[in-house]
Amino acid sequence: MKSLSLIVLLVLGFVPVSEVEAKDPPAETYQPGYWQPVARFDNKRIVEVNIINNTDVPIEYDLTDIEAMNPQALQPEQTGNLNGFGSSANIVIYPLVNDATDFNLRYKVAVDEDNNVINVSVIKDKPSFLGHRSINLQRTGAVYLY
């Protein structure tokens, strides 16, 4: 039995050992859906939000923090600005019309990275699109639409 163990050790001792590097498979973490941020801003700098009314109806916007401000109205083709709210906010935008059954609002977001400004273009979309109602700016710098 000892001679068998000795033979195995001798054979294993003379077998060349090759190094094997562990290879990580490519990351595939992105899953499309509403849970993905539509944009990102620099959360270490002061951020501003411009709301551009590209509809043909008046709209109103407000921060959900009731103490921050009162709702602000925007006529068609006007731009409103939000600033001084810190690095996170929930912003609601809604049409100021009695009957909005023929359309829903859609937000298109673009970030001016040099100035850390989030530009939100508000447009009308068909009723088949469920519509956006709010913009969520998170402390992490992520921008979500709901």
N, C-alpha and C. Protein backbone atom coordinates (compact mmCIF):
# COMPACT_ATOMS: atom_id res chain seq x y z
N MET A 1 0.82 -1.18 0.00
CA MET A 1 0.00 0.00 0.00
C MET A 1 0.87 1.24 0.00
N LYS A 2 1.98 1.16 0.79
CA LYS A 2 2.89 2.30 0.84
C LYS A 2 3.55 2.53 -0.51
N SER A 3 3.85 1.45 -1.20
CA SER A 3 4.50 1.61 -2.50
C SER A 3 3.55 2.22 -3.51
N LEU A 4 2.24 1.94 -3.41
CA LEU A 4 1.25 2.55 -4.31
C LEU A 4 1.14 4.04 -4.03
N SER A 5 1.14 4.41 -2.78
CA SER A 5 1.08 5.83 -2.42
C SER A 5 2.32 6.55 -2.91
N LEU A 6 3.48 5.90 -2.79
CA LEU A 6 4.72 6.49 -3.25
C LEU A 6 4.71 6.68 -4.76
N ILE A 7 4.19 5.71 -5.47
CA ILE A 7 4.10 5.81 -6.93
C ILE A 7 3.18 6.96 -7.33
N VAL A 8 2.03 7.06 -6.67
CA VAL A 8 1.08 8.15 -6.98
C VAL A 8 1.72 9.50 -6.71
N LEU A 9 2.40 9.65 -5.60
CA LEU A 9 3.06 10.92 -5.28
C LEU A 9 4.15 11.25 -6.29
N LEU A 10 4.91 10.24 -6.68
CA LEU A 10 5.96 10.47 -7.66
C LEU A 10 5.37 10.89 -9.01
N VAL A 11 4.30 10.21 -9.41
CA VAL A 11 3.66 10.55 -10.69
C VAL A 11 3.07 11.95 -10.62
N LEU A 12 2.39 12.25 -9.56
CA LEU A 12 1.79 13.58 -9.43
C LEU A 12 2.86 14.65 -9.30
N GLY A 13 3.95 14.34 -8.67
CA GLY A 13 5.03 15.31 -8.51
C GLY A 13 5.69 15.67 -9.81
N PHE A 14 5.65 14.78 -10.77
CA PHE A 14 6.30 15.04 -12.06
C PHE A 14 5.33 15.49 -13.15
N VAL A 15 4.06 15.56 -12.83
CA VAL A 15 3.08 16.02 -13.80
C VAL A 15 3.18 17.55 -13.88
N PRO A 16 3.38 18.09 -15.08
CA PRO A 16 3.47 19.55 -15.18
C PRO A 16 2.14 20.19 -14.80
N VAL A 17 2.21 21.26 -14.01
CA VAL A 17 1.02 21.97 -13.57
C VAL A 17 0.90 23.23 -14.42
N SER A 18 -0.25 23.40 -15.03
CA SER A 18 -0.47 24.61 -15.83
C SER A 18 -1.39 25.55 -15.07
N GLU A 19 -1.13 26.83 -15.20
CA GLU A 19 -1.97 27.83 -14.54
C GLU A 19 -3.19 28.08 -15.39
N VAL A 20 -4.31 28.21 -14.74
CA VAL A 20 -5.56 28.49 -15.43
C VAL A 20 -6.11 29.78 -14.84
N GLU A 21 -6.33 30.77 -15.71
CA GLU A 21 -6.92 32.02 -15.24
C GLU A 21 -8.43 31.91 -15.32
N ALA A 22 -9.09 32.37 -14.28
CA ALA A 22 -10.54 32.39 -14.29
C ALA A 22 -10.99 33.51 -15.23
N LYS A 23 -11.91 33.22 -16.10
CA LYS A 23 -12.43 34.20 -17.05
C LYS A 23 -13.85 34.55 -16.62
N ASP A 24 -14.09 35.87 -16.49
CA ASP A 24 -15.44 36.31 -16.17
C ASP A 24 -16.24 36.41 -17.47
N PRO A 25 -17.44 35.89 -17.47
CA PRO A 25 -18.26 36.07 -18.67
C PRO A 25 -18.64 37.55 -18.78
N PRO A 26 -18.92 38.02 -19.98
CA PRO A 26 -19.30 39.43 -20.12
C PRO A 26 -20.57 39.72 -19.30
N ALA A 27 -20.58 40.88 -18.65
CA ALA A 27 -21.73 41.24 -17.82
C ALA A 27 -22.94 41.51 -18.70
N GLU A 28 -24.03 40.97 -18.32
CA GLU A 28 -25.28 41.19 -19.04
C GLU A 28 -26.34 41.52 -18.01
N THR A 29 -26.15 42.65 -17.34
CA THR A 29 -27.05 43.02 -16.25
C THR A 29 -28.21 43.89 -16.71
N TYR A 30 -28.10 44.52 -17.89
CA TYR A 30 -29.17 45.41 -18.34
C TYR A 30 -30.40 44.61 -18.72
N GLN A 31 -31.49 44.95 -18.13
CA GLN A 31 -32.78 44.36 -18.47
C GLN A 31 -33.71 45.52 -18.80
N PRO A 32 -34.22 45.62 -20.03
CA PRO A 32 -35.06 46.76 -20.39
C PRO A 32 -36.32 46.82 -19.53
N GLY A 33 -36.74 48.02 -19.23
CA GLY A 33 -37.97 48.20 -18.47
C GLY A 33 -37.98 49.52 -17.73
N TYR A 34 -39.09 49.82 -17.13
CA TYR A 34 -39.28 51.09 -16.43
C TYR A 34 -38.36 51.24 -15.23
N TRP A 35 -37.81 50.14 -14.74
CA TRP A 35 -36.95 50.19 -13.55
C TRP A 35 -35.54 50.67 -13.89
N GLN A 36 -35.22 50.89 -15.15
CA GLN A 36 -33.91 51.41 -15.53
C GLN A 36 -33.98 52.94 -15.56
N PRO A 37 -32.95 53.63 -15.09
CA PRO A 37 -32.96 55.09 -15.19
C PRO A 37 -32.90 55.51 -16.66
N VAL A 38 -33.59 56.61 -16.98
CA VAL A 38 -33.57 57.12 -18.35
C VAL A 38 -32.37 58.03 -18.58
N ALA A 39 -31.79 58.52 -17.49
CA ALA A 39 -30.63 59.40 -17.59
C ALA A 39 -29.94 59.44 -16.23
N ARG A 40 -28.77 60.06 -16.22
CA ARG A 40 -28.02 60.24 -14.96
C ARG A 40 -27.46 61.66 -14.92
N PHE A 41 -27.41 62.20 -13.71
CA PHE A 41 -26.80 63.51 -13.48
C PHE A 41 -25.73 63.36 -12.42
N ASP A 42 -24.88 64.38 -12.29
CA ASP A 42 -23.79 64.35 -11.31
C ASP A 42 -24.36 64.74 -9.95
N ASN A 43 -24.49 63.77 -9.06
CA ASN A 43 -25.11 64.02 -7.75
C ASN A 43 -24.17 64.75 -6.78
N LYS A 44 -22.94 65.00 -7.19
CA LYS A 44 -22.01 65.74 -6.33
C LYS A 44 -22.03 67.24 -6.65
N ARG A 45 -22.82 67.63 -7.63
CA ARG A 45 -22.94 69.03 -8.03
C ARG A 45 -24.40 69.47 -7.92
N ILE A 46 -24.62 70.78 -7.88
CA ILE A 46 -25.97 71.32 -7.85
C ILE A 46 -26.65 70.97 -9.18
N VAL A 47 -27.88 70.50 -9.09
CA VAL A 47 -28.62 70.11 -10.29
C VAL A 47 -29.83 71.04 -10.45
N GLU A 48 -30.17 71.32 -11.71
CA GLU A 48 -31.36 72.10 -12.05
C GLU A 48 -32.19 71.29 -13.03
N VAL A 49 -33.49 71.60 -13.09
CA VAL A 49 -34.38 70.94 -14.03
C VAL A 49 -35.12 72.00 -14.82
N ASN A 50 -35.04 71.91 -16.15
CA ASN A 50 -35.84 72.75 -17.03
C ASN A 50 -36.99 71.91 -17.56
N ILE A 51 -38.20 72.44 -17.46
CA ILE A 51 -39.38 71.75 -18.00
C ILE A 51 -39.86 72.56 -19.18
N ILE A 52 -39.87 71.94 -20.35
CA ILE A 52 -40.22 72.61 -21.59
C ILE A 52 -41.56 72.08 -22.06
N ASN A 53 -42.55 72.96 -22.16
CA ASN A 53 -43.88 72.56 -22.59
C ASN A 53 -43.95 72.56 -24.12
N ASN A 54 -43.76 71.40 -24.71
CA ASN A 54 -43.85 71.25 -26.16
C ASN A 54 -45.21 70.68 -26.57
N THR A 55 -46.24 71.04 -25.82
CA THR A 55 -47.61 70.64 -26.16
C THR A 55 -48.36 71.88 -26.62
N ASP A 56 -49.61 71.70 -27.00
CA ASP A 56 -50.45 72.85 -27.36
C ASP A 56 -51.48 73.14 -26.26
N VAL A 57 -51.24 72.60 -25.06
CA VAL A 57 -52.12 72.85 -23.91
C VAL A 57 -51.28 73.34 -22.73
N PRO A 58 -51.88 74.13 -21.83
CA PRO A 58 -51.14 74.51 -20.63
C PRO A 58 -50.91 73.31 -19.73
N ILE A 59 -49.77 73.31 -19.05
CA ILE A 59 -49.46 72.25 -18.10
C ILE A 59 -49.08 72.89 -16.77
N GLU A 60 -49.02 72.07 -15.75
CA GLU A 60 -48.62 72.54 -14.43
C GLU A 60 -47.61 71.55 -13.87
N TYR A 61 -46.63 72.06 -13.11
CA TYR A 61 -45.62 71.19 -12.50
C TYR A 61 -45.41 71.62 -11.06
N ASP A 62 -44.93 70.68 -10.25
CA ASP A 62 -44.74 70.95 -8.83
C ASP A 62 -43.83 69.88 -8.24
N LEU A 63 -43.13 70.25 -7.19
CA LEU A 63 -42.40 69.27 -6.38
C LEU A 63 -43.40 68.64 -5.43
N THR A 64 -43.25 67.36 -5.14
CA THR A 64 -44.20 66.71 -4.25
C THR A 64 -44.00 67.10 -2.80
N ASP A 65 -42.85 67.72 -2.49
CA ASP A 65 -42.64 68.26 -1.15
C ASP A 65 -43.51 69.50 -1.04
N ILE A 66 -44.60 69.40 -0.31
CA ILE A 66 -45.61 70.46 -0.28
C ILE A 66 -45.08 71.80 0.21
N GLU A 67 -44.00 71.78 0.99
CA GLU A 67 -43.46 73.03 1.52
C GLU A 67 -42.53 73.73 0.55
N ALA A 68 -42.11 73.05 -0.49
CA ALA A 68 -41.10 73.61 -1.38
C ALA A 68 -41.63 74.76 -2.22
N MET A 69 -42.78 74.60 -2.85
CA MET A 69 -43.31 75.62 -3.74
C MET A 69 -44.76 75.32 -4.06
N ASN A 70 -45.40 76.23 -4.75
CA ASN A 70 -46.75 76.02 -5.23
C ASN A 70 -46.68 75.55 -6.68
N PRO A 71 -47.73 74.91 -7.16
CA PRO A 71 -47.72 74.50 -8.57
C PRO A 71 -47.47 75.69 -9.49
N GLN A 72 -46.69 75.44 -10.54
CA GLN A 72 -46.36 76.47 -11.51
C GLN A 72 -46.97 76.10 -12.86
N ALA A 73 -47.64 77.04 -13.49
CA ALA A 73 -48.25 76.79 -14.80
C ALA A 73 -47.29 77.17 -15.91
N LEU A 74 -47.36 76.41 -16.99
CA LEU A 74 -46.57 76.70 -18.19
C LEU A 74 -47.50 76.68 -19.40
N GLN A 75 -47.52 77.76 -20.13
CA GLN A 75 -48.28 77.81 -21.37
C GLN A 75 -47.50 77.06 -22.46
N PRO A 76 -48.15 76.71 -23.55
CA PRO A 76 -47.44 76.03 -24.63
C PRO A 76 -46.20 76.80 -25.06
N GLU A 77 -45.12 76.05 -25.31
CA GLU A 77 -43.81 76.57 -25.75
C GLU A 77 -43.07 77.39 -24.68
N GLN A 78 -43.53 77.37 -23.45
CA GLN A 78 -42.81 78.03 -22.36
C GLN A 78 -41.91 77.02 -21.64
N THR A 79 -40.91 77.56 -20.93
CA THR A 79 -39.99 76.73 -20.15
C THR A 79 -40.01 77.19 -18.70
N GLY A 80 -40.07 76.24 -17.79
CA GLY A 80 -39.98 76.52 -16.36
C GLY A 80 -38.71 75.93 -15.80
N ASN A 81 -38.27 76.44 -14.65
CA ASN A 81 -37.01 76.00 -14.06
C ASN A 81 -37.22 75.65 -12.60
N LEU A 82 -36.64 74.54 -12.19
CA LEU A 82 -36.63 74.13 -10.78
C LEU A 82 -35.18 74.06 -10.32
N ASN A 83 -34.88 74.68 -9.19
CA ASN A 83 -33.54 74.60 -8.62
C ASN A 83 -33.63 74.77 -7.12
N GLY A 84 -32.53 74.53 -6.45
CA GLY A 84 -32.49 74.72 -5.00
C GLY A 84 -33.19 73.64 -4.21
N PHE A 85 -33.42 72.48 -4.78
CA PHE A 85 -34.12 71.41 -4.06
C PHE A 85 -33.19 70.33 -3.55
N GLY A 86 -31.89 70.47 -3.79
CA GLY A 86 -30.94 69.46 -3.33
C GLY A 86 -30.62 68.47 -4.44
N SER A 87 -30.28 67.25 -4.05
CA SER A 87 -29.87 66.26 -5.05
C SER A 87 -30.95 65.22 -5.35
N SER A 88 -32.12 65.36 -4.74
CA SER A 88 -33.22 64.43 -5.05
C SER A 88 -34.54 65.19 -5.03
N ALA A 89 -35.47 64.71 -5.85
CA ALA A 89 -36.78 65.35 -5.93
C ALA A 89 -37.76 64.44 -6.63
N ASN A 90 -39.02 64.66 -6.35
CA ASN A 90 -40.12 64.05 -7.09
C ASN A 90 -40.91 65.20 -7.70
N ILE A 91 -41.01 65.20 -9.02
CA ILE A 91 -41.66 66.30 -9.74
C ILE A 91 -42.87 65.73 -10.46
N VAL A 92 -44.02 66.36 -10.29
CA VAL A 92 -45.23 65.94 -11.00
C VAL A 92 -45.53 66.97 -12.08
N ILE A 93 -46.01 66.49 -13.22
CA ILE A 93 -46.40 67.35 -14.33
C ILE A 93 -47.74 66.82 -14.86
N TYR A 94 -48.68 67.73 -15.09
CA TYR A 94 -49.99 67.30 -15.55
C TYR A 94 -50.62 68.39 -16.41
N PRO A 95 -51.53 67.99 -17.33
CA PRO A 95 -52.17 68.98 -18.21
C PRO A 95 -53.23 69.77 -17.44
N LEU A 96 -53.40 71.02 -17.82
CA LEU A 96 -54.43 71.87 -17.22
C LEU A 96 -55.62 72.00 -18.17
N VAL A 97 -56.22 70.88 -18.49
CA VAL A 97 -57.40 70.87 -19.35
C VAL A 97 -58.47 70.02 -18.69
N ASN A 98 -59.71 70.30 -19.03
CA ASN A 98 -60.81 69.54 -18.43
C ASN A 98 -60.89 68.12 -18.96
N ASP A 99 -60.56 67.94 -20.24
CA ASP A 99 -60.68 66.61 -20.83
C ASP A 99 -59.36 66.24 -21.50
N ALA A 100 -58.62 65.36 -20.87
CA ALA A 100 -57.35 64.91 -21.43
C ALA A 100 -57.45 63.46 -21.90
N THR A 101 -58.65 63.04 -22.30
CA THR A 101 -58.83 61.66 -22.72
C THR A 101 -58.26 61.37 -24.10
N ASP A 102 -58.00 62.40 -24.90
CA ASP A 102 -57.48 62.20 -26.25
C ASP A 102 -55.96 62.09 -26.31
N PHE A 103 -55.29 62.29 -25.17
CA PHE A 103 -53.83 62.24 -25.18
C PHE A 103 -53.30 61.94 -23.78
N ASN A 104 -52.03 61.57 -23.74
CA ASN A 104 -51.28 61.41 -22.50
C ASN A 104 -49.97 62.17 -22.67
N LEU A 105 -49.38 62.56 -21.57
CA LEU A 105 -48.11 63.26 -21.63
C LEU A 105 -46.95 62.27 -21.67
N ARG A 106 -45.93 62.63 -22.43
CA ARG A 106 -44.69 61.85 -22.48
C ARG A 106 -43.54 62.81 -22.21
N TYR A 107 -42.58 62.36 -21.40
CA TYR A 107 -41.41 63.18 -21.07
C TYR A 107 -40.20 62.64 -21.80
N LYS A 108 -39.44 63.53 -22.40
CA LYS A 108 -38.16 63.17 -23.02
C LYS A 108 -37.08 63.91 -22.23
N VAL A 109 -36.12 63.15 -21.73
CA VAL A 109 -35.10 63.69 -20.83
C VAL A 109 -33.75 63.75 -21.53
N ALA A 110 -33.08 64.90 -21.38
CA ALA A 110 -31.71 65.06 -21.86
C ALA A 110 -30.94 65.80 -20.77
N VAL A 111 -29.73 65.35 -20.50
CA VAL A 111 -28.92 65.97 -19.44
C VAL A 111 -27.78 66.75 -20.09
N ASP A 112 -27.69 68.03 -19.73
CA ASP A 112 -26.54 68.85 -20.11
C ASP A 112 -25.49 68.60 -19.04
N GLU A 113 -24.52 67.74 -19.35
CA GLU A 113 -23.55 67.30 -18.35
C GLU A 113 -22.61 68.42 -17.92
N ASP A 114 -22.30 69.35 -18.81
CA ASP A 114 -21.39 70.45 -18.46
C ASP A 114 -21.99 71.33 -17.37
N ASN A 115 -23.29 71.60 -17.46
CA ASN A 115 -23.95 72.48 -16.50
C ASN A 115 -24.78 71.74 -15.46
N ASN A 116 -24.84 70.40 -15.58
CA ASN A 116 -25.64 69.57 -14.68
C ASN A 116 -27.10 70.03 -14.66
N VAL A 117 -27.65 70.19 -15.86
CA VAL A 117 -29.04 70.60 -16.03
C VAL A 117 -29.79 69.47 -16.72
N ILE A 118 -30.95 69.12 -16.15
CA ILE A 118 -31.81 68.11 -16.73
C ILE A 118 -32.91 68.83 -17.51
N ASN A 119 -32.97 68.60 -18.82
CA ASN A 119 -34.00 69.20 -19.67
C ASN A 119 -35.08 68.17 -19.92
N VAL A 120 -36.30 68.51 -19.52
CA VAL A 120 -37.44 67.61 -19.68
C VAL A 120 -38.39 68.24 -20.69
N SER A 121 -38.47 67.63 -21.85
CA SER A 121 -39.39 68.08 -22.88
C SER A 121 -40.71 67.33 -22.70
N VAL A 122 -41.80 68.06 -22.55
CA VAL A 122 -43.11 67.45 -22.35
C VAL A 122 -43.86 67.51 -23.67
N ILE A 123 -44.30 66.35 -24.16
CA ILE A 123 -45.04 66.29 -25.41
C ILE A 123 -46.35 65.53 -25.19
N LYS A 124 -47.27 65.70 -26.13
CA LYS A 124 -48.51 64.93 -26.10
C LYS A 124 -48.31 63.65 -26.88
N ASP A 125 -48.89 62.57 -26.37
CA ASP A 125 -48.80 61.29 -27.05
C ASP A 125 -50.19 60.70 -27.15
N LYS A 126 -50.32 59.66 -27.93
CA LYS A 126 -51.60 59.00 -28.15
C LYS A 126 -52.08 58.33 -26.87
N PRO A 127 -53.40 58.15 -26.75
CA PRO A 127 -53.93 57.47 -25.55
C PRO A 127 -53.40 56.05 -25.38
N SER A 128 -52.89 55.43 -26.45
CA SER A 128 -52.36 54.08 -26.32
C SER A 128 -51.11 54.03 -25.44
N PHE A 129 -50.38 55.16 -25.35
CA PHE A 129 -49.26 55.26 -24.43
C PHE A 129 -49.84 55.59 -23.06
N LEU A 130 -49.43 54.86 -22.03
CA LEU A 130 -50.04 55.05 -20.71
C LEU A 130 -49.76 56.42 -20.12
N GLY A 131 -48.67 57.05 -20.51
CA GLY A 131 -48.40 58.40 -20.05
C GLY A 131 -47.48 58.46 -18.85
N HIS A 132 -46.72 59.53 -18.80
CA HIS A 132 -45.87 59.80 -17.64
C HIS A 132 -46.60 60.77 -16.73
N ARG A 133 -46.34 60.68 -15.45
CA ARG A 133 -46.95 61.57 -14.47
C ARG A 133 -45.91 62.23 -13.58
N SER A 134 -44.75 61.57 -13.40
CA SER A 134 -43.77 62.15 -12.48
C SER A 134 -42.34 61.82 -12.90
N ILE A 135 -41.43 62.64 -12.41
CA ILE A 135 -40.01 62.47 -12.61
C ILE A 135 -39.39 62.30 -11.23
N ASN A 136 -38.59 61.26 -11.08
CA ASN A 136 -37.95 60.99 -9.81
C ASN A 136 -36.45 61.15 -9.97
N LEU A 137 -35.87 62.12 -9.26
CA LEU A 137 -34.43 62.32 -9.24
C LEU A 137 -33.93 61.71 -7.93
N GLN A 138 -33.06 60.72 -8.04
CA GLN A 138 -32.58 60.06 -6.84
C GLN A 138 -31.22 60.57 -6.42
N ARG A 139 -30.91 60.44 -5.14
CA ARG A 139 -29.63 60.90 -4.60
C ARG A 139 -28.43 60.25 -5.29
N THR A 140 -28.65 59.11 -5.92
CA THR A 140 -27.57 58.41 -6.62
C THR A 140 -27.25 59.05 -7.98
N GLY A 141 -28.09 59.98 -8.42
CA GLY A 141 -27.91 60.61 -9.73
C GLY A 141 -28.75 59.99 -10.82
N ALA A 142 -29.60 59.04 -10.48
CA ALA A 142 -30.46 58.39 -11.46
C ALA A 142 -31.74 59.18 -11.66
N VAL A 143 -32.23 59.21 -12.90
CA VAL A 143 -33.49 59.87 -13.26
C VAL A 143 -34.45 58.81 -13.74
N TYR A 144 -35.60 58.72 -13.08
CA TYR A 144 -36.64 57.76 -13.45
C TYR A 144 -37.90 58.49 -13.85
N LEU A 145 -38.66 57.89 -14.77
CA LEU A 145 -39.96 58.42 -15.18
C LEU A 145 -41.05 57.44 -14.77
N TYR A 146 -42.12 57.97 -14.23
CA TYR A 146 -43.27 57.14 -13.84
C TYR A 146 -44.54 57.74 -14.39
